[in-house]
Amino acid sequence: MTDFLPHVYGQEKVKKEWKRLLEERRLPHTMILYGDEGLGKTTAAFDLAGVLTGKSEKLWEEIRLWQRESSGKEPVVTFADHQVWYLRPMGMELKIEQFRLFLDAMATFDETVHVCIIDEAQTMMDPVANSLLKTLEEPPEYVIFILATTEAHKIPITILSRCQRYDFKRISIETIAARL
């Protein structure tokens, strides 16, 4: 892992922890990345998904293409040979139909690593939260869930209790200056 998470800046504590957990083969199956907007939570989720699936280059090529050509109206987006799933709110909330698409597909997954990224997880309504909770109670060992949120306090405590939490901190001016 020479350039571990190359798109993530200023979150050295999180990167160091993930690298250690990966080396020890103890990465949690459910994580929540929380912190202010614009700190790289979604980028970190995609970077980690690339490492976990071994398809980082393909994943980022597809993400760039999607960002350029997308209408932004897709309820669920898959990348890297359908091993990385990305759900984000459609309108003001994550809808159960989005999560059901993932669950239906999950039933067909082989035993390679699959990652489900749920962005702005604080917008999931009760049906999504209940369905996710049921899934997290007996998660398949080859599926990793990464939730990203700016408002962790809005995530049901029953879900939070099943997640390893990673706090994304504001990046110091010194770190930004060094990066430039």
C-alpha atoms as a PDB file:
ATOM      1  CA  MET A   1       0.000   0.000   0.000  1.00  0.00           C
ATOM      2  CA  THR A   2       2.494   2.553  -1.182  1.00  0.00           C
ATOM      3  CA  ASP A   3       0.222   5.538  -1.772  1.00  0.00           C
ATOM      4  CA  PHE A   4      -2.521   4.582   0.658  1.00  0.00           C
ATOM      5  CA  LEU A   5      -5.715   6.574   0.018  1.00  0.00           C
ATOM      6  CA  PRO A   6      -4.102   9.054  -2.394  1.00  0.00           C
ATOM      7  CA  HIS A   7      -7.201  11.252  -2.713  1.00  0.00           C
ATOM      8  CA  VAL A   8      -7.575  11.859   1.045  1.00  0.00           C
ATOM      9  CA  TYR A   9      -5.801  14.879   2.523  1.00  0.00           C
ATOM     10  CA  GLY A  10      -5.315  15.948   6.118  1.00  0.00           C
ATOM     11  CA  GLN A  11      -7.010  12.977   7.780  1.00  0.00           C
ATOM     12  CA  GLU A  12      -3.790  11.247   8.780  1.00  0.00           C
ATOM     13  CA  LYS A  13      -5.184   9.747  11.986  1.00  0.00           C
ATOM     14  CA  VAL A  14      -8.001   7.997  10.088  1.00  0.00           C
ATOM     15  CA  LYS A  15      -5.680   6.871   7.282  1.00  0.00           C
ATOM     16  CA  LYS A  16      -3.164   5.470   9.758  1.00  0.00           C
ATOM     17  CA  GLU A  17      -5.902   3.593  11.654  1.00  0.00           C
ATOM     18  CA  TRP A  18      -7.393   2.096   8.472  1.00  0.00           C
ATOM     19  CA  LYS A  19      -3.990   1.038   7.201  1.00  0.00           C
ATOM     20  CA  ARG A  20      -3.246  -0.692  10.519  1.00  0.00           C
ATOM     21  CA  LEU A  21      -6.642  -2.409  10.586  1.00  0.00           C
ATOM     22  CA  LEU A  22      -6.227  -3.612   7.001  1.00  0.00           C
ATOM     23  CA  GLU A  23      -2.764  -4.997   7.749  1.00  0.00           C
ATOM     24  CA  GLU A  24      -4.194  -6.806  10.786  1.00  0.00           C
ATOM     25  CA  ARG A  25      -7.262  -7.922   8.775  1.00  0.00           C
ATOM     26  CA  ARG A  26      -9.534  -6.349  11.368  1.00  0.00           C
ATOM     27  CA  LEU A  27     -11.294  -3.630   9.379  1.00  0.00           C
ATOM     28  CA  PRO A  28     -14.857  -3.295  10.702  1.00  0.00           C
ATOM     29  CA  HIS A  29     -17.692  -4.318   8.391  1.00  0.00           C
ATOM     30  CA  THR A  30     -19.620  -1.113   9.156  1.00  0.00           C
ATOM     31  CA  MET A  31     -18.095   2.335   9.506  1.00  0.00           C
ATOM     32  CA  ILE A  32     -19.482   5.799   9.877  1.00  0.00           C
ATOM     33  CA  LEU A  33     -17.444   8.768   8.710  1.00  0.00           C
ATOM     34  CA  TYR A  34     -18.641  11.970  10.304  1.00  0.00           C
ATOM     35  CA  GLY A  35     -17.618  15.591  10.427  1.00  0.00           C
ATOM     36  CA  ASP A  36     -18.265  18.917   8.779  1.00  0.00           C
ATOM     37  CA  GLU A  37     -19.073  19.202   5.096  1.00  0.00           C
ATOM     38  CA  GLY A  38     -16.133  19.260   2.708  1.00  0.00           C
ATOM     39  CA  LEU A  39     -13.628  17.269   4.773  1.00  0.00           C
ATOM     40  CA  GLY A  40     -13.323  14.339   2.371  1.00  0.00           C
ATOM     41  CA  LYS A  41     -15.603  11.713   3.889  1.00  0.00           C
ATOM     42  CA  THR A  42     -17.084  10.563   0.588  1.00  0.00           C
ATOM     43  CA  THR A  43     -13.713  10.719  -1.135  1.00  0.00           C
ATOM     44  CA  ALA A  44     -12.228   8.636   1.680  1.00  0.00           C
ATOM     45  CA  ALA A  45     -15.053   6.118   1.342  1.00  0.00           C
ATOM     46  CA  PHE A  46     -14.363   5.754  -2.390  1.00  0.00           C
ATOM     47  CA  ASP A  47     -10.597   5.537  -1.829  1.00  0.00           C
ATOM     48  CA  LEU A  48     -11.043   2.832   0.807  1.00  0.00           C
ATOM     49  CA  ALA A  49     -13.503   0.979  -1.449  1.00  0.00           C
ATOM     50  CA  GLY A  50     -10.849   0.996  -4.177  1.00  0.00           C
ATOM     51  CA  VAL A  51      -8.311  -0.533  -1.810  1.00  0.00           C
ATOM     52  CA  LEU A  52     -10.771  -3.140  -0.510  1.00  0.00           C
ATOM     53  CA  THR A  53     -11.882  -4.265  -3.977  1.00  0.00           C
ATOM     54  CA  GLY A  54      -8.446  -3.980  -5.543  1.00  0.00           C
ATOM     55  CA  LYS A  55      -9.980  -1.828  -8.276  1.00  0.00           C
ATOM     56  CA  SER A  56      -8.912   1.660  -7.279  1.00  0.00           C
ATOM     57  CA  GLU A  57      -7.822   2.795 -10.732  1.00  0.00           C
ATOM     58  CA  LYS A  58     -10.967   1.481 -12.443  1.00  0.00           C
ATOM     59  CA  LEU A  59     -13.158   2.918  -9.686  1.00  0.00           C
ATOM     60  CA  TRP A  60     -11.724   6.433  -9.991  1.00  0.00           C
ATOM     61  CA  GLU A  61     -11.941   6.340 -13.805  1.00  0.00           C
ATOM     62  CA  GLU A  62     -15.620   5.444 -13.535  1.00  0.00           C
ATOM     63  CA  ILE A  63     -16.267   8.076 -10.858  1.00  0.00           C
ATOM     64  CA  ARG A  64     -14.701  10.800 -13.032  1.00  0.00           C
ATOM     65  CA  LEU A  65     -16.776   9.711 -16.012  1.00  0.00           C
ATOM     66  CA  TRP A  66     -19.943   9.566 -13.908  1.00  0.00           C
ATOM     67  CA  GLN A  67     -19.313  13.040 -12.466  1.00  0.00           C
ATOM     68  CA  ARG A  68     -18.799  14.449 -15.962  1.00  0.00           C
ATOM     69  CA  GLU A  69     -21.723  12.755 -17.660  1.00  0.00           C
ATOM     70  CA  SER A  70     -24.260  12.060 -14.922  1.00  0.00           C
ATOM     71  CA  SER A  71     -27.641  13.685 -14.738  1.00  0.00           C
ATOM     72  CA  GLY A  72     -27.437  13.226 -10.968  1.00  0.00           C
ATOM     73  CA  LYS A  73     -30.800  11.480 -10.966  1.00  0.00           C
ATOM     74  CA  GLU A  74     -29.624   7.892 -10.572  1.00  0.00           C
ATOM     75  CA  PRO A  75     -31.069   6.361  -7.391  1.00  0.00           C
ATOM     76  CA  VAL A  76     -28.113   3.998  -7.029  1.00  0.00           C
ATOM     77  CA  VAL A  77     -24.768   4.029  -8.841  1.00  0.00           C
ATOM     78  CA  THR A  78     -22.442   1.060  -9.123  1.00  0.00           C
ATOM     79  CA  PHE A  79     -18.766   1.154  -9.965  1.00  0.00           C
ATOM     80  CA  ALA A  80     -15.865  -1.261 -10.431  1.00  0.00           C
ATOM     81  CA  ASP A  81     -17.754  -4.226 -11.845  1.00  0.00           C
ATOM     82  CA  HIS A  82     -20.666  -3.705  -9.434  1.00  0.00           C
ATOM     83  CA  GLN A  83     -18.428  -4.166  -6.406  1.00  0.00           C
ATOM     84  CA  VAL A  84     -18.862  -0.584  -5.173  1.00  0.00           C
ATOM     85  CA  TRP A  85     -22.393   0.695  -4.606  1.00  0.00           C
ATOM     86  CA  TYR A  86     -23.128   4.363  -3.973  1.00  0.00           C
ATOM     87  CA  LEU A  87     -26.409   5.541  -2.497  1.00  0.00           C
ATOM     88  CA  ARG A  88     -27.160   9.191  -1.827  1.00  0.00           C
ATOM     89  CA  PRO A  89     -30.379  11.085  -1.153  1.00  0.00           C
ATOM     90  CA  MET A  90     -32.717  11.590  -4.033  1.00  0.00           C
ATOM     91  CA  GLY A  91     -34.305  14.890  -3.201  1.00  0.00           C
ATOM     92  CA  MET A  92     -34.292  15.313   0.550  1.00  0.00           C
ATOM     93  CA  GLU A  93     -33.935  11.697   1.710  1.00  0.00           C
ATOM     94  CA  LEU A  94     -32.567   8.242   1.088  1.00  0.00           C
ATOM     95  CA  LYS A  95     -35.482   6.121  -0.011  1.00  0.00           C
ATOM     96  CA  ILE A  96     -36.239   2.485   0.741  1.00  0.00           C
ATOM     97  CA  GLU A  97     -36.392   1.724  -2.996  1.00  0.00           C
ATOM     98  CA  GLN A  98     -32.705   2.653  -3.250  1.00  0.00           C
ATOM     99  CA  PHE A  99     -31.695   0.378  -0.418  1.00  0.00           C
ATOM    100  CA  ARG A 100     -33.864  -2.460  -1.784  1.00  0.00           C
ATOM    101  CA  LEU A 101     -31.961  -2.301  -5.084  1.00  0.00           C
ATOM    102  CA  PHE A 102     -28.772  -2.912  -3.125  1.00  0.00           C
ATOM    103  CA  LEU A 103     -30.307  -5.668  -0.972  1.00  0.00           C
ATOM    104  CA  ASP A 104     -31.686  -7.494  -4.019  1.00  0.00           C
ATOM    105  CA  ALA A 105     -28.269  -7.374  -5.661  1.00  0.00           C
ATOM    106  CA  MET A 106     -26.532  -8.366  -2.418  1.00  0.00           C
ATOM    107  CA  ALA A 107     -28.347 -11.700  -2.543  1.00  0.00           C
ATOM    108  CA  THR A 108     -26.423 -12.465  -5.763  1.00  0.00           C
ATOM    109  CA  PHE A 109     -22.958 -11.305  -4.629  1.00  0.00           C
ATOM    110  CA  ASP A 110     -20.100 -13.746  -4.805  1.00  0.00           C
ATOM    111  CA  GLU A 111     -17.582 -13.843  -1.973  1.00  0.00           C
ATOM    112  CA  THR A 112     -15.419 -11.018  -3.302  1.00  0.00           C
ATOM    113  CA  VAL A 113     -15.477  -7.791  -1.323  1.00  0.00           C
ATOM    114  CA  HIS A 114     -18.371  -5.461  -2.057  1.00  0.00           C
ATOM    115  CA  VAL A 115     -18.678  -1.983  -0.562  1.00  0.00           C
ATOM    116  CA  CYS A 116     -21.913  -0.072  -0.005  1.00  0.00           C
ATOM    117  CA  ILE A 117     -21.352   3.660   0.507  1.00  0.00           C
ATOM    118  CA  ILE A 118     -24.338   5.499   1.933  1.00  0.00           C
ATOM    119  CA  ASP A 119     -23.750   9.229   1.595  1.00  0.00           C
ATOM    120  CA  GLU A 120     -25.595  11.781   3.717  1.00  0.00           C
ATOM    121  CA  ALA A 121     -26.765   8.884   5.850  1.00  0.00           C
ATOM    122  CA  GLN A 122     -28.586  11.265   8.197  1.00  0.00           C
ATOM    123  CA  THR A 123     -31.300  11.555   5.505  1.00  0.00           C
ATOM    124  CA  MET A 124     -32.375   7.919   5.675  1.00  0.00           C
ATOM    125  CA  MET A 125     -35.969   7.581   6.743  1.00  0.00           C
ATOM    126  CA  ASP A 126     -37.205   4.903   9.166  1.00  0.00           C
ATOM    127  CA  PRO A 127     -37.846   2.183   6.548  1.00  0.00           C
ATOM    128  CA  VAL A 128     -34.253   2.489   5.272  1.00  0.00           C
ATOM    129  CA  ALA A 129     -32.832   2.621   8.796  1.00  0.00           C
ATOM    130  CA  ASN A 130     -34.836  -0.460   9.814  1.00  0.00           C
ATOM    131  CA  SER A 131     -33.770  -2.392   6.731  1.00  0.00           C
ATOM    132  CA  LEU A 132     -30.130  -1.407   7.206  1.00  0.00           C
ATOM    133  CA  LEU A 133     -30.286  -2.351  10.872  1.00  0.00           C
ATOM    134  CA  LYS A 134     -31.660  -5.795  10.027  1.00  0.00           C
ATOM    135  CA  THR A 135     -28.828  -6.254   7.509  1.00  0.00           C
ATOM    136  CA  LEU A 136     -26.196  -5.115  10.027  1.00  0.00           C
ATOM    137  CA  GLU A 137     -27.404  -7.585  12.640  1.00  0.00           C
ATOM    138  CA  GLU A 138     -26.105 -10.457  10.480  1.00  0.00           C
ATOM    139  CA  PRO A 139     -23.864  -8.859   7.866  1.00  0.00           C
ATOM    140  CA  PRO A 140     -22.292 -10.930   5.127  1.00  0.00           C
ATOM    141  CA  GLU A 141     -18.557 -11.029   5.828  1.00  0.00           C
ATOM    142  CA  TYR A 142     -17.705  -9.885   2.297  1.00  0.00           C
ATOM    143  CA  VAL A 143     -19.869  -6.719   2.391  1.00  0.00           C
ATOM    144  CA  ILE A 144     -18.507  -3.514   3.921  1.00  0.00           C
ATOM    145  CA  PHE A 145     -20.852  -0.628   4.717  1.00  0.00           C
ATOM    146  CA  ILE A 146     -19.499   2.915   4.852  1.00  0.00           C
ATOM    147  CA  LEU A 147     -21.883   5.630   5.975  1.00  0.00           C
ATOM    148  CA  ALA A 148     -20.931   9.285   5.583  1.00  0.00           C
ATOM    149  CA  THR A 149     -22.700  12.069   7.430  1.00  0.00           C
ATOM    150  CA  THR A 150     -22.379  15.642   8.603  1.00  0.00           C
ATOM    151  CA  GLU A 151     -24.919  14.980  11.344  1.00  0.00           C
ATOM    152  CA  ALA A 152     -24.144  11.763  13.194  1.00  0.00           C
ATOM    153  CA  HIS A 153     -26.623  12.690  15.928  1.00  0.00           C
ATOM    154  CA  LYS A 154     -29.452  12.131  13.397  1.00  0.00           C
ATOM    155  CA  ILE A 155     -28.446   8.506  12.765  1.00  0.00           C
ATOM    156  CA  PRO A 156     -30.490   6.080  14.896  1.00  0.00           C
ATOM    157  CA  ILE A 157     -28.488   4.941  17.919  1.00  0.00           C
ATOM    158  CA  THR A 158     -29.228   1.314  17.003  1.00  0.00           C
ATOM    159  CA  ILE A 159     -27.252   1.810  13.794  1.00  0.00           C
ATOM    160  CA  LEU A 160     -24.521   3.910  15.427  1.00  0.00           C
ATOM    161  CA  SER A 161     -23.960   1.144  17.967  1.00  0.00           C
ATOM    162  CA  ARG A 162     -23.062  -1.226  15.111  1.00  0.00           C
ATOM    163  CA  CYS A 163     -20.622   1.158  13.420  1.00  0.00           C
ATOM    164  CA  GLN A 164     -17.002   1.945  14.045  1.00  0.00           C
ATOM    165  CA  ARG A 165     -16.890   5.746  14.100  1.00  0.00           C
ATOM    166  CA  TYR A 166     -14.282   7.863  12.350  1.00  0.00           C
ATOM    167  CA  ASP A 167     -14.211  11.579  13.075  1.00  0.00           C
ATOM    168  CA  PHE A 168     -13.059  13.713  10.166  1.00  0.00           C
ATOM    169  CA  LYS A 169     -11.435  16.843  11.560  1.00  0.00           C
ATOM    170  CA  ARG A 170     -10.987  20.232   9.996  1.00  0.00           C
ATOM    171  CA  ILE A 171      -7.698  20.476   8.149  1.00  0.00           C
ATOM    172  CA  SER A 172      -5.189  22.935   9.578  1.00  0.00           C
ATOM    173  CA  ILE A 173      -3.940  25.857   7.503  1.00  0.00           C
ATOM    174  CA  GLU A 174      -0.423  24.435   7.862  1.00  0.00           C
ATOM    175  CA  THR A 175      -1.524  21.122   6.320  1.00  0.00           C
ATOM    176  CA  ILE A 176      -3.255  22.909   3.453  1.00  0.00           C
ATOM    177  CA  ALA A 177      -0.206  25.132   2.849  1.00  0.00           C
ATOM    178  CA  ALA A 178       2.117  22.104   2.870  1.00  0.00           C
ATOM    179  CA  ARG A 179      -0.134  20.325   0.379  1.00  0.00           C
ATOM    180  CA  LEU A 180      -0.084  23.296  -1.997  1.00  0.00           C
END
